[in-house]
N, C-alpha and C. Protein backbone atom coordinates (compact mmCIF):
# COMPACT_ATOMS: atom_id res chain seq x y z
N UNK A 1 0.17 262.17 21.50
CA UNK A 1 1.31 262.32 22.57
C UNK A 1 1.56 260.96 23.26
N UNK A 2 1.49 259.65 22.67
CA UNK A 2 1.37 258.67 23.24
C UNK A 2 2.89 258.19 23.74
N UNK A 3 4.12 258.42 22.75
CA UNK A 3 5.71 258.23 23.09
C UNK A 3 6.30 259.00 23.87
N UNK A 4 5.55 260.07 24.65
CA UNK A 4 6.15 261.36 25.63
C UNK A 4 6.50 260.78 27.27
N UNK A 5 5.90 260.26 27.48
CA UNK A 5 6.27 260.63 29.10
C UNK A 5 6.34 258.51 29.63
N UNK A 6 7.50 258.19 29.51
CA UNK A 6 7.68 256.44 29.52
C UNK A 6 8.65 255.56 30.67
N UNK A 7 8.09 254.73 30.79
CA UNK A 7 8.57 253.85 32.08
C UNK A 7 8.60 255.05 33.33
N UNK A 8 9.59 254.94 34.02
CA UNK A 8 9.66 255.31 35.22
C UNK A 8 9.53 256.95 35.23
N UNK A 9 10.22 257.71 33.88
CA UNK A 9 9.73 258.72 34.30
C UNK A 9 8.30 258.90 33.52
N UNK A 10 7.83 258.37 33.26
CA UNK A 10 6.16 258.86 33.10
C UNK A 10 5.42 258.56 34.69
N UNK A 11 5.51 257.62 35.36
CA UNK A 11 5.44 257.53 36.18
C UNK A 11 5.37 258.35 37.31
N UNK A 12 6.62 258.78 37.57
CA UNK A 12 7.42 259.88 38.29
C UNK A 12 6.75 261.40 38.04
N UNK A 13 6.58 261.48 36.58
CA UNK A 13 5.75 262.70 36.29
C UNK A 13 4.22 263.17 36.29
N UNK A 14 3.36 261.75 36.23
CA UNK A 14 2.36 261.94 36.55
C UNK A 14 2.09 261.33 38.02
N UNK A 15 2.81 261.01 38.77
CA UNK A 15 2.37 260.80 40.14
C UNK A 15 2.77 262.52 40.99
N UNK A 16 3.79 263.16 40.13
CA UNK A 16 4.11 264.28 40.97
C UNK A 16 3.08 265.59 40.67
N UNK A 17 2.65 265.33 39.28
CA UNK A 17 1.54 266.33 38.98
C UNK A 17 0.06 265.99 38.74
N UNK A 18 -0.19 264.84 39.18
CA UNK A 18 -1.41 264.68 39.36
C UNK A 18 -2.07 264.13 38.04
N UNK A 19 -1.30 263.60 37.32
CA UNK A 19 -1.62 263.72 35.29
C UNK A 19 -2.11 262.29 34.98
N UNK A 20 -2.65 261.80 34.32
CA UNK A 20 -2.82 260.33 33.62
C UNK A 20 -1.62 260.27 32.83
N UNK A 21 -1.25 258.70 32.81
CA UNK A 21 -0.14 258.19 32.33
C UNK A 21 -0.76 258.02 30.90
N UNK A 22 0.29 258.39 30.16
CA UNK A 22 0.18 257.96 28.69
C UNK A 22 0.35 256.75 28.01
N UNK A 23 -0.56 256.22 26.96
CA UNK A 23 -0.14 254.71 26.57
C UNK A 23 0.99 254.62 25.67
N UNK A 24 1.75 253.99 26.21
CA UNK A 24 2.99 254.14 24.96
C UNK A 24 2.80 252.75 23.88
N UNK A 25 3.55 253.25 22.33
CA UNK A 25 3.67 252.81 21.25
C UNK A 25 4.55 251.77 21.57
N UNK A 26 4.20 250.02 21.40
CA UNK A 26 5.19 249.55 21.67
C UNK A 26 5.88 249.42 20.52
N UNK A 27 5.70 249.63 19.17
CA UNK A 27 6.81 249.33 18.08
C UNK A 27 7.79 250.11 17.98
N UNK A 28 7.98 250.84 18.97
CA UNK A 28 8.94 251.56 19.32
C UNK A 28 9.90 251.54 20.22
N UNK A 29 11.46 251.33 20.22
CA UNK A 29 12.09 250.53 21.33
C UNK A 29 12.52 251.71 22.68
N UNK A 30 12.84 251.17 23.53
CA UNK A 30 12.76 251.91 24.73
C UNK A 30 13.85 252.99 24.38
N UNK A 31 14.94 252.46 23.75
CA UNK A 31 15.98 253.68 23.73
C UNK A 31 15.42 254.98 22.71
N UNK A 32 14.73 254.55 21.56
CA UNK A 32 14.37 255.71 21.22
C UNK A 32 13.36 256.58 21.89
N UNK A 33 12.67 255.81 22.90
CA UNK A 33 11.27 256.61 23.70
C UNK A 33 11.92 257.24 24.39
N UNK A 34 13.65 257.64 25.10
CA UNK A 34 13.42 258.26 26.23
C UNK A 34 12.95 259.35 26.19
N UNK A 35 12.69 260.26 27.19
CA UNK A 35 12.31 261.51 26.92
C UNK A 35 11.92 262.31 28.62
N UNK A 36 12.98 262.99 28.48
CA UNK A 36 13.10 264.25 29.50
C UNK A 36 13.15 263.55 30.41
N UNK A 37 15.08 263.15 30.97
CA UNK A 37 15.00 262.11 32.58
C UNK A 37 15.41 263.59 33.42
N UNK A 38 15.01 264.71 33.19
CA UNK A 38 14.73 265.26 34.35
C UNK A 38 13.84 265.57 34.90
N UNK A 39 12.60 264.26 34.65
CA UNK A 39 11.26 263.96 35.46
C UNK A 39 11.63 263.39 36.91
N UNK A 40 12.19 262.55 36.54
CA UNK A 40 12.49 262.14 38.14
C UNK A 40 14.04 262.58 38.53
N UNK A 41 14.28 262.73 39.88
CA UNK A 41 15.51 263.05 40.20
C UNK A 41 16.46 261.65 39.77
N UNK A 42 15.95 260.77 40.34
CA UNK A 42 16.95 259.52 40.08
C UNK A 42 17.30 259.30 38.97
N UNK A 43 16.57 259.57 37.95
CA UNK A 43 17.03 259.06 36.30
C UNK A 43 17.46 260.39 35.75
N UNK A 44 18.35 261.36 36.33
CA UNK A 44 18.38 262.66 35.90
C UNK A 44 19.78 262.21 35.32
N UNK A 45 20.10 262.15 33.75
CA UNK A 45 21.33 262.35 32.99
C UNK A 45 22.06 263.82 33.25
N UNK A 46 22.67 263.36 34.02
CA UNK A 46 23.88 264.69 34.27
C UNK A 46 24.71 265.01 33.08
N UNK A 47 24.90 266.19 32.85
CA UNK A 47 26.06 265.88 31.80
C UNK A 47 27.72 266.60 32.46
N UNK A 48 26.96 267.13 34.09
CA UNK A 48 28.28 267.42 34.73
C UNK A 48 28.24 266.50 35.96
N UNK A 49 28.89 265.18 35.93
CA UNK A 49 28.83 264.01 36.95
C UNK A 49 28.97 264.62 38.05
N UNK A 50 29.77 266.40 38.28
CA UNK A 50 29.69 266.44 39.73
C UNK A 50 28.93 266.92 39.94
N UNK A 51 27.73 267.95 39.68
CA UNK A 51 26.87 268.69 40.15
C UNK A 51 25.65 267.72 40.49
N UNK A 52 24.95 268.29 40.83
CA UNK A 52 23.71 267.89 41.19
C UNK A 52 22.23 268.77 40.55
N UNK A 53 21.48 268.65 39.80
CA UNK A 53 20.26 269.30 39.47
C UNK A 53 19.34 269.65 40.59
N UNK A 54 18.88 270.95 40.71
CA UNK A 54 18.56 271.35 41.99
C UNK A 54 17.03 271.29 41.81
N UNK A 55 16.61 271.39 43.15
CA UNK A 55 14.76 271.36 42.97
C UNK A 55 14.67 272.19 42.39
N UNK A 56 15.08 273.06 41.68
CA UNK A 56 14.23 273.95 41.42
C UNK A 56 13.97 273.29 40.20
N UNK A 57 15.17 273.44 39.28
CA UNK A 57 15.70 272.99 37.75
C UNK A 57 14.26 272.33 37.88
N UNK A 58 14.09 270.47 38.47
CA UNK A 58 13.42 269.92 38.57
C UNK A 58 11.79 270.05 38.20
N UNK A 59 11.50 270.96 39.12
CA UNK A 59 10.80 271.55 39.29
C UNK A 59 9.69 272.63 37.79
N UNK A 60 11.07 273.15 37.48
CA UNK A 60 10.53 274.10 36.55
C UNK A 60 10.56 273.15 35.53
N UNK A 61 11.40 271.79 35.24
CA UNK A 61 11.05 271.18 34.02
C UNK A 61 9.77 270.48 34.03
N UNK A 62 9.55 269.93 34.91
CA UNK A 62 7.81 269.70 35.12
C UNK A 62 7.01 270.67 34.65
N UNK A 63 7.16 271.73 35.65
CA UNK A 63 6.31 272.77 34.86
C UNK A 63 6.12 273.22 33.46
N UNK A 64 7.07 273.17 32.91
CA UNK A 64 6.65 273.58 31.82
C UNK A 64 6.60 272.41 30.92
N UNK A 65 6.80 271.19 31.45
CA UNK A 65 6.45 269.81 30.67
C UNK A 65 4.45 269.77 30.75
N UNK A 66 4.17 269.74 31.79
CA UNK A 66 2.69 270.02 32.09
C UNK A 66 1.94 271.18 31.95
N UNK A 67 2.75 272.68 31.25
CA UNK A 67 2.06 273.77 31.14
C UNK A 67 1.76 273.26 29.68
N UNK A 68 2.35 272.78 28.56
CA UNK A 68 2.55 272.44 27.86
C UNK A 68 1.45 270.82 27.24
N UNK A 69 1.00 270.36 28.21
CA UNK A 69 0.14 269.66 27.74
C UNK A 69 -1.11 269.76 27.73
N UNK A 70 -1.40 270.78 27.92
CA UNK A 70 -2.99 271.69 27.03
C UNK A 70 -2.57 271.94 26.00
N UNK A 71 -2.22 272.08 25.31
CA UNK A 71 -1.86 272.46 23.92
C UNK A 71 -2.39 271.40 23.42
N UNK A 72 -3.57 272.05 22.08
CA UNK A 72 -4.40 270.71 21.17
C UNK A 72 -3.93 270.71 19.85
N UNK A 73 -3.18 271.87 19.49
CA UNK A 73 -2.46 271.31 18.12
C UNK A 73 -1.47 270.81 18.12
N UNK A 74 -1.24 269.73 17.57
CA UNK A 74 0.19 268.57 17.94
C UNK A 74 1.37 269.17 16.84
N UNK A 75 0.87 270.03 16.57
CA UNK A 75 2.36 270.95 15.63
C UNK A 75 2.99 272.14 17.08
N UNK A 76 2.23 272.86 17.28
CA UNK A 76 2.63 273.82 18.25
C UNK A 76 3.12 273.05 19.58
N UNK A 77 2.63 271.98 19.68
CA UNK A 77 2.89 271.56 21.08
C UNK A 77 4.30 270.83 21.04
N UNK A 78 4.91 270.39 19.62
CA UNK A 78 5.86 269.77 19.38
C UNK A 78 6.79 270.60 19.58
N UNK A 79 6.34 271.67 18.63
CA UNK A 79 7.65 273.08 18.73
C UNK A 79 7.98 273.36 20.09
N UNK A 80 6.91 273.24 20.84
CA UNK A 80 7.03 273.82 22.15
C UNK A 80 7.61 272.78 23.38
N UNK A 81 7.22 271.87 22.85
CA UNK A 81 8.32 270.79 23.39
C UNK A 81 9.65 270.55 23.46
N UNK A 82 10.11 270.50 21.68
CA UNK A 82 11.50 270.86 21.84
C UNK A 82 12.11 272.14 22.34
N UNK A 83 11.42 273.36 22.29
CA UNK A 83 12.16 273.91 22.90
C UNK A 83 12.71 273.65 24.14
N UNK A 84 11.57 272.85 25.37
CA UNK A 84 12.26 272.37 26.60
C UNK A 84 13.19 271.62 26.84
N UNK A 85 13.12 270.94 26.39
CA UNK A 85 14.31 269.67 25.56
C UNK A 85 15.65 271.20 25.13
N UNK A 86 15.33 271.77 23.96
CA UNK A 86 17.18 272.36 24.15
C UNK A 86 16.96 273.26 25.39
N UNK A 87 15.92 273.70 26.24
CA UNK A 87 16.06 274.54 27.71
C UNK A 87 17.13 273.78 28.40
N UNK A 88 16.89 272.89 28.32
CA UNK A 88 17.46 271.77 29.34
C UNK A 88 18.46 271.05 29.10
N UNK A 89 18.69 271.02 27.79
CA UNK A 89 19.75 269.85 27.13
C UNK A 89 21.24 270.52 28.31
N UNK A 90 21.56 271.63 28.96
CA UNK A 90 22.89 271.78 30.04
C UNK A 90 22.94 270.67 30.80
N UNK A 91 21.92 269.76 31.08
CA UNK A 91 21.63 269.26 32.40
C UNK A 91 21.12 267.31 32.17
N UNK A 92 20.26 267.94 30.76
CA UNK A 92 19.81 265.84 30.47
C UNK A 92 20.73 266.09 29.36
N UNK A 93 20.85 264.26 28.91
CA UNK A 93 21.01 264.27 27.74
C UNK A 93 19.82 263.53 26.62
N UNK A 94 19.43 264.93 25.55
CA UNK A 94 18.34 265.01 24.84
C UNK A 94 17.68 263.15 24.75
N UNK A 95 16.31 263.44 24.80
CA UNK A 95 16.42 261.66 23.42
C UNK A 95 16.15 261.87 22.24
N UNK A 96 16.76 260.59 22.22
CA UNK A 96 17.17 260.11 20.98
C UNK A 96 16.05 260.51 19.45
N UNK A 97 16.02 260.90 18.39
CA UNK A 97 15.30 261.31 17.43
C UNK A 97 15.69 260.72 16.06
N UNK A 98 15.13 260.54 15.15
CA UNK A 98 15.01 260.25 14.06
C UNK A 98 16.48 260.26 13.26
N UNK A 99 17.09 261.42 13.36
CA UNK A 99 18.83 262.34 13.10
C UNK A 99 19.61 260.44 13.43
N UNK A 100 19.25 260.64 14.89
CA UNK A 100 19.77 259.21 15.61
C UNK A 100 20.01 258.13 14.62
N UNK A 101 19.37 257.49 13.77
CA UNK A 101 18.47 256.65 13.22
C UNK A 101 18.58 256.35 11.80
N UNK A 102 18.57 257.38 11.29
CA UNK A 102 18.59 257.30 9.43
C UNK A 102 19.64 258.88 9.47
N UNK A 103 20.07 258.43 8.30
CA UNK A 103 21.17 259.34 7.45
C UNK A 103 20.53 260.75 6.92
N UNK A 104 21.24 261.37 6.92
CA UNK A 104 20.45 262.80 6.26
C UNK A 104 19.68 262.42 4.87
N UNK A 105 20.51 261.78 3.99
CA UNK A 105 19.94 261.37 2.56
C UNK A 105 18.72 260.43 2.67
N UNK A 106 18.63 259.36 4.04
CA UNK A 106 17.10 259.29 4.03
C UNK A 106 16.26 259.81 4.84
N UNK A 107 16.67 260.82 5.45
CA UNK A 107 15.24 261.87 6.26
C UNK A 107 14.96 262.35 5.34
N UNK A 108 15.99 263.29 4.21
CA UNK A 108 15.40 263.93 3.15
C UNK A 108 14.35 263.64 2.09
N UNK A 109 14.87 262.12 1.75
CA UNK A 109 14.17 261.31 1.17
C UNK A 109 12.56 261.15 1.82
N UNK A 110 12.33 260.65 2.69
CA UNK A 110 11.35 260.81 3.21
C UNK A 110 10.27 262.16 3.55
N UNK A 111 11.27 263.41 3.67
CA UNK A 111 10.55 264.49 3.60
C UNK A 111 10.39 265.00 2.25
N UNK A 112 11.22 264.70 1.29
CA UNK A 112 10.58 264.88 -0.07
C UNK A 112 9.24 263.87 -0.31
N UNK A 113 9.36 262.91 0.02
CA UNK A 113 8.18 262.38 0.03
C UNK A 113 6.53 262.68 0.49
N UNK A 114 7.07 263.18 1.86
CA UNK A 114 5.69 263.59 2.62
C UNK A 114 5.16 265.08 1.95
N UNK A 115 6.22 265.92 1.73
CA UNK A 115 6.29 267.33 0.94
C UNK A 115 5.35 266.96 -0.39
N UNK A 116 5.78 265.70 -1.17
CA UNK A 116 4.94 265.55 -2.60
C UNK A 116 3.72 264.83 -1.94
N UNK A 117 3.46 264.30 -1.24
CA UNK A 117 2.16 263.25 -1.07
C UNK A 117 1.27 264.40 -0.46
N UNK A 118 1.79 265.29 0.47
CA UNK A 118 0.64 266.01 1.00
C UNK A 118 1.21 267.66 0.69
N UNK A 119 1.44 268.08 -0.43
CA UNK A 119 1.79 269.82 -0.47
C UNK A 119 0.52 270.15 0.05
N UNK A 120 0.78 271.48 1.11
CA UNK A 120 -0.14 272.23 1.37
C UNK A 120 -0.89 271.56 2.24
N UNK A 121 -1.04 270.25 2.64
CA UNK A 121 -1.85 270.11 3.54
C UNK A 121 -1.14 269.89 5.10
N UNK A 122 -2.22 269.63 6.27
CA UNK A 122 -1.95 269.83 7.35
C UNK A 122 -0.78 269.25 8.24
N UNK A 123 -0.60 269.24 9.14
CA UNK A 123 0.74 268.26 10.08
C UNK A 123 0.18 267.51 10.05
N UNK A 124 -1.07 267.26 10.68
CA UNK A 124 -1.56 265.52 10.64
C UNK A 124 -1.51 264.50 9.70
N UNK A 125 -2.06 265.33 8.71
CA UNK A 125 -1.85 264.41 6.96
C UNK A 125 -0.23 264.52 6.82
N UNK A 126 0.51 265.11 7.01
CA UNK A 126 1.92 264.70 6.90
C UNK A 126 2.39 264.20 7.94
N UNK A 127 1.87 264.16 8.82
CA UNK A 127 2.32 262.81 10.17
C UNK A 127 1.83 261.89 9.02
N UNK A 128 0.59 261.75 9.08
CA UNK A 128 0.13 259.91 8.54
C UNK A 128 1.12 259.71 7.74
N UNK A 129 1.01 260.26 6.32
CA UNK A 129 1.93 260.16 5.68
C UNK A 129 4.07 259.00 6.16
N UNK A 130 4.00 260.11 6.48
CA UNK A 130 5.33 259.80 7.86
C UNK A 130 5.20 258.47 8.27
N UNK A 131 4.55 258.17 8.71
CA UNK A 131 4.26 256.82 9.21
C UNK A 131 4.12 255.86 8.63
N UNK A 132 3.21 256.13 7.23
CA UNK A 132 3.31 254.72 6.39
C UNK A 132 4.67 254.50 6.29
N UNK A 133 5.55 255.30 5.90
CA UNK A 133 6.70 255.07 5.37
C UNK A 133 7.52 254.37 6.39
N UNK A 134 7.72 254.77 7.83
CA UNK A 134 8.10 254.21 9.08
C UNK A 134 7.97 253.18 9.18
N UNK A 135 6.71 253.11 9.23
CA UNK A 135 5.53 251.37 8.99
C UNK A 135 6.34 250.60 8.55
N UNK A 136 6.03 250.83 7.17
CA UNK A 136 6.71 249.96 6.43
C UNK A 136 7.94 249.40 6.36
N UNK A 137 9.00 250.63 6.97
CA UNK A 137 9.95 249.86 7.02
C UNK A 137 10.52 249.28 8.36
N UNK A 138 9.61 249.28 9.38
CA UNK A 138 9.62 248.82 10.40
C UNK A 138 9.23 247.56 10.36
N UNK A 139 8.44 247.17 9.13
CA UNK A 139 8.07 245.11 9.10
C UNK A 139 9.32 245.40 7.73
N UNK A 140 9.28 245.82 7.03
CA UNK A 140 10.59 245.34 5.87
C UNK A 140 9.53 244.71 5.12
N UNK A 141 10.33 242.70 4.85
CA UNK A 141 9.49 241.86 3.86
C UNK A 141 9.45 242.38 2.41
N UNK A 142 8.30 242.86 1.83
CA UNK A 142 7.82 243.12 0.64
C UNK A 142 8.10 244.72 0.69
N UNK A 143 7.95 245.47 1.39
CA UNK A 143 8.16 246.60 1.40
C UNK A 143 9.37 247.18 0.89
N UNK A 144 10.65 246.22 1.48
CA UNK A 144 11.90 246.87 1.42
C UNK A 144 12.71 247.18 2.48
N UNK A 145 14.07 247.13 2.52
CA UNK A 145 14.57 246.98 3.67
C UNK A 145 15.26 248.11 4.10
N UNK A 146 15.49 249.23 2.91
CA UNK A 146 16.03 250.39 3.38
C UNK A 146 14.40 251.52 3.18
N UNK A 147 14.84 252.43 4.16
CA UNK A 147 14.11 253.54 3.50
C UNK A 147 13.64 253.54 1.64
N UNK A 148 15.10 253.95 0.97
CA UNK A 148 15.01 254.21 -0.22
C UNK A 148 13.94 253.14 -1.04
N UNK A 149 14.38 252.05 -0.48
CA UNK A 149 13.49 250.85 -1.24
C UNK A 149 12.32 251.37 -1.10
N UNK A 150 11.67 251.67 0.16
CA UNK A 150 10.50 251.46 0.81
C UNK A 150 9.71 252.76 0.06
N UNK A 151 10.40 253.94 -0.51
CA UNK A 151 9.68 254.50 -0.99
C UNK A 151 9.73 254.79 -2.51
N UNK A 152 11.06 254.19 -3.14
CA UNK A 152 10.81 254.13 -4.51
C UNK A 152 10.31 252.87 -5.74
N UNK A 153 10.60 251.89 -4.42
CA UNK A 153 10.22 250.17 -5.28
C UNK A 153 8.87 250.67 -5.66
N UNK A 154 8.89 250.22 -6.82
CA UNK A 154 7.40 250.33 -8.03
C UNK A 154 6.49 252.01 -7.40
N UNK A 155 7.59 252.47 -7.38
CA UNK A 155 6.67 253.68 -6.95
C UNK A 155 5.96 253.95 -6.33
N UNK A 156 5.85 253.17 -5.02
CA UNK A 156 4.77 253.67 -4.00
C UNK A 156 4.68 254.82 -3.48
N UNK A 157 5.27 255.46 -3.70
CA UNK A 157 5.32 257.21 -3.50
C UNK A 157 5.94 258.15 -4.28
N UNK A 158 5.12 258.93 -4.50
CA UNK A 158 5.96 260.34 -5.57
C UNK A 158 6.57 261.35 -4.58
N UNK A 159 7.75 261.41 -4.75
CA UNK A 159 9.10 262.35 -3.92
C UNK A 159 9.33 263.26 -4.91
N UNK A 160 9.07 263.88 -5.90
CA UNK A 160 9.88 264.51 -6.52
C UNK A 160 9.71 266.28 -6.05
N UNK A 161 9.30 266.42 -4.99
CA UNK A 161 9.35 267.96 -4.49
C UNK A 161 10.92 267.85 -3.61
N UNK A 162 11.71 269.18 -4.02
CA UNK A 162 12.83 268.78 -3.19
C UNK A 162 12.98 269.78 -2.29
N UNK A 163 11.77 271.22 -2.23
CA UNK A 163 11.75 272.27 -1.51
C UNK A 163 11.02 271.33 -0.08
N UNK A 164 11.69 271.40 0.61
CA UNK A 164 10.94 271.18 2.20
C UNK A 164 10.74 272.59 3.05
N UNK A 165 9.49 272.19 3.57
CA UNK A 165 8.95 273.37 4.01
C UNK A 165 9.23 273.07 5.83
N UNK A 166 8.93 273.83 6.35
CA UNK A 166 9.46 273.67 8.25
C UNK A 166 8.21 272.79 8.80
N UNK A 167 7.03 273.10 8.36
CA UNK A 167 6.15 271.52 8.85
C UNK A 167 6.24 270.53 8.53
N UNK A 168 6.60 270.21 7.27
CA UNK A 168 6.77 268.73 6.43
C UNK A 168 8.30 268.01 7.31
N UNK A 169 9.43 269.00 7.34
CA UNK A 169 10.12 268.68 8.90
C UNK A 169 10.10 267.93 10.40
N UNK A 170 9.23 269.00 10.55
CA UNK A 170 8.55 268.69 11.56
C UNK A 170 7.56 267.20 12.12
N UNK A 171 6.70 267.42 11.13
CA UNK A 171 6.03 266.09 10.95
C UNK A 171 6.55 264.74 10.80
N UNK A 172 7.92 264.81 10.34
CA UNK A 172 8.40 263.58 10.18
C UNK A 172 9.12 263.60 11.07
N UNK A 173 9.86 264.07 12.12
CA UNK A 173 10.24 264.03 13.46
C UNK A 173 9.27 263.86 14.30
N UNK A 174 8.25 264.55 14.20
CA UNK A 174 7.29 263.83 15.23
C UNK A 174 6.79 262.23 15.36
N UNK A 175 6.56 261.99 13.79
CA UNK A 175 5.84 260.50 13.60
C UNK A 175 6.85 259.47 13.64
N UNK A 176 7.84 259.80 14.30
CA UNK A 176 9.31 259.01 14.17
C UNK A 176 9.20 258.81 16.05
N UNK A 177 9.37 260.58 16.49
CA UNK A 177 9.69 260.17 17.61
C UNK A 177 8.28 260.32 18.87
N UNK A 178 7.18 260.68 18.55
CA UNK A 178 6.02 260.94 18.68
C UNK A 178 5.20 259.97 18.81
N UNK A 179 4.42 259.86 18.19
CA UNK A 179 3.06 259.32 17.76
C UNK A 179 3.06 258.56 16.59
N UNK A 180 1.87 257.35 16.75
CA UNK A 180 1.95 257.03 14.96
C UNK A 180 0.51 257.36 14.92
N UNK A 181 0.36 258.79 14.25
CA UNK A 181 -0.75 259.20 13.98
C UNK A 181 -2.08 257.99 13.23
N UNK A 182 -1.54 257.47 12.57
CA UNK A 182 -2.41 255.95 11.82
C UNK A 182 -2.82 254.79 12.55
N UNK A 183 -1.70 254.74 13.60
CA UNK A 183 -2.15 253.71 14.30
C UNK A 183 -1.82 252.43 14.29
N UNK A 184 -0.47 252.41 13.15
CA UNK A 184 -0.46 250.73 12.40
C UNK A 184 -0.62 250.55 11.48
N UNK A 185 -1.31 251.66 10.50
CA UNK A 185 -1.77 251.82 9.17
C UNK A 185 0.02 251.37 7.95
N UNK A 186 -0.16 250.64 7.20
CA UNK A 186 0.83 250.40 6.24
C UNK A 186 0.45 250.85 5.03
N UNK A 187 -0.84 251.37 4.98
CA UNK A 187 -0.91 252.28 3.39
C UNK A 187 -1.84 252.55 3.26
N UNK A 188 -2.11 253.45 2.09
CA UNK A 188 -2.75 254.49 1.83
C UNK A 188 -3.33 254.85 0.29
N UNK A 189 -4.19 255.56 -0.15
CA UNK A 189 -4.39 255.77 -1.08
C UNK A 189 -5.89 256.80 -1.10
N UNK A 190 -5.98 257.66 -2.27
CA UNK A 190 -7.04 258.53 -2.57
C UNK A 190 -7.86 258.00 -3.67
N UNK A 191 -9.45 257.90 -3.15
CA UNK A 191 -10.46 257.46 -4.44
C UNK A 191 -11.46 257.92 -3.23
N UNK A 192 -12.86 257.86 -4.39
CA UNK A 192 -14.37 258.05 -3.60
C UNK A 192 -14.76 256.94 -2.94
N UNK A 193 -14.17 255.66 -2.92
CA UNK A 193 -14.64 254.30 -2.58
C UNK A 193 -13.83 253.60 -1.60
N UNK A 194 -13.50 254.38 -0.29
CA UNK A 194 -12.29 253.88 0.52
C UNK A 194 -12.53 252.63 0.98
N UNK A 195 -13.58 252.03 0.95
CA UNK A 195 -14.09 251.14 1.60
C UNK A 195 -13.56 249.57 1.04
N UNK A 196 -13.04 250.18 -0.36
CA UNK A 196 -13.52 249.24 -1.32
C UNK A 196 -11.62 248.99 -1.88
N UNK A 197 -11.12 247.68 -1.44
CA UNK A 197 -10.03 247.49 -1.59
C UNK A 197 -9.34 246.01 -0.91
N UNK A 198 -9.13 245.40 -2.15
CA UNK A 198 -9.13 243.89 -1.47
C UNK A 198 -7.61 243.62 -0.78
N UNK A 199 -7.58 242.99 -0.13
CA UNK A 199 -6.57 242.73 0.83
C UNK A 199 -6.11 243.49 1.85
N UNK A 200 -7.17 245.00 2.01
CA UNK A 200 -6.58 245.60 2.88
C UNK A 200 -7.80 245.68 3.89
N UNK A 201 -8.04 246.22 5.18
CA UNK A 201 -8.68 246.90 5.74
C UNK A 201 -8.79 248.35 5.91
N UNK A 202 -9.98 248.97 5.63
CA UNK A 202 -10.04 250.74 5.40
C UNK A 202 -10.04 250.73 6.94
N UNK A 203 -9.41 251.57 7.59
CA UNK A 203 -9.34 252.84 9.12
C UNK A 203 -10.06 253.88 9.11
N UNK A 204 -9.20 255.05 8.00
CA UNK A 204 -9.96 256.27 8.54
C UNK A 204 -9.59 256.79 7.31
N UNK A 205 -9.93 258.23 6.82
CA UNK A 205 -9.79 259.12 6.23
C UNK A 205 -9.55 260.65 7.14
N UNK A 206 -8.20 260.98 6.48
CA UNK A 206 -7.51 262.39 6.59
C UNK A 206 -8.24 263.34 6.01
N UNK A 207 -8.07 264.57 6.64
CA UNK A 207 -8.22 265.94 6.29
C UNK A 207 -7.96 265.93 4.85
N UNK A 208 -6.75 265.37 4.37
CA UNK A 208 -6.51 265.53 3.13
C UNK A 208 -6.85 264.85 1.83
N UNK A 209 -7.99 263.82 2.10
CA UNK A 209 -8.46 263.05 1.00
C UNK A 209 -7.95 261.68 1.20
N UNK A 210 -6.81 261.52 1.92
CA UNK A 210 -6.32 260.36 1.85
C UNK A 210 -6.46 258.87 3.05
N UNK A 211 -6.99 257.75 2.34
CA UNK A 211 -7.36 256.77 3.05
C UNK A 211 -6.59 255.71 3.47
N UNK A 212 -6.97 255.43 4.65
CA UNK A 212 -5.69 254.64 5.30
C UNK A 212 -5.55 253.19 5.69
N UNK A 213 -5.25 252.29 5.69
CA UNK A 213 -5.45 250.64 5.97
C UNK A 213 -4.38 250.20 6.55
N UNK A 214 -4.73 249.01 6.78
CA UNK A 214 -4.19 247.91 7.94
C UNK A 214 -3.93 246.87 6.69
N UNK A 215 -3.15 246.04 7.19
CA UNK A 215 -3.30 244.54 6.52
C UNK A 215 -3.84 243.67 6.93
N UNK A 216 -5.24 243.05 5.98
CA UNK A 216 -5.89 242.10 6.61
C UNK A 216 -4.80 240.63 5.96
N UNK A 217 -5.64 239.88 7.14
CA UNK A 217 -5.09 238.35 7.31
C UNK A 217 -5.16 238.04 5.79
N UNK A 218 -4.00 237.46 5.34
CA UNK A 218 -3.97 235.99 4.08
C UNK A 218 -3.53 237.19 3.37
N UNK A 219 -2.80 236.92 2.01
CA UNK A 219 -2.02 237.60 0.96
C UNK A 219 -2.77 239.16 0.81
N UNK A 220 -1.64 240.02 0.61
CA UNK A 220 -2.07 241.53 0.17
C UNK A 220 -2.38 241.13 -1.16
N UNK A 221 -2.97 242.00 -1.64
CA UNK A 221 -3.01 242.31 -3.14
C UNK A 221 -2.96 243.89 -2.99
N UNK A 222 -1.85 244.68 -3.50
CA UNK A 222 -1.78 245.95 -3.41
C UNK A 222 -1.00 246.68 -4.61
């Protein structure tokens, strides 16, 4: 949950609850990483300027965020997190999500790629593939200037599945808004010799059998 508690909001909640401050992934803009402005009274984004959030409301938001911090399953944590955001929507401006940055068509294409590449796989495997797409889009260059180019250019991703599961929808949201589960990787493949791929640095293999890579210095041969 690297992008959850940020800047003053991170510090405010960490001090209040004696919690560790989580590392922020710098590749995402501050605007995209705004989360739970009700954590600090001073940073409350009020829906009604004539009212003030009660101490009870603030403490209740803090308590609920603290309670879900013990959930180890990231999919279940994200579901609980979204419920908290929705519950306090009446007094806060919700954090920006992937739906604020991409069109429905682009998001659906990402979902199709994730669903196809990770059919019947777990949540983190889906997040991993979603992050490869997002990271490539962020980099641009030879990968493409649009989501469509990143996914369809030279058949980089399979995307023929059209029925999207709830787990895939959540994984794409989580990958963009919360955490880069690949730690900056921009390529993946499946084979029996994950360490051997010229031009790429092998990083890890996930439970789906996908091997993930970062770019080595010099020219890519992909």
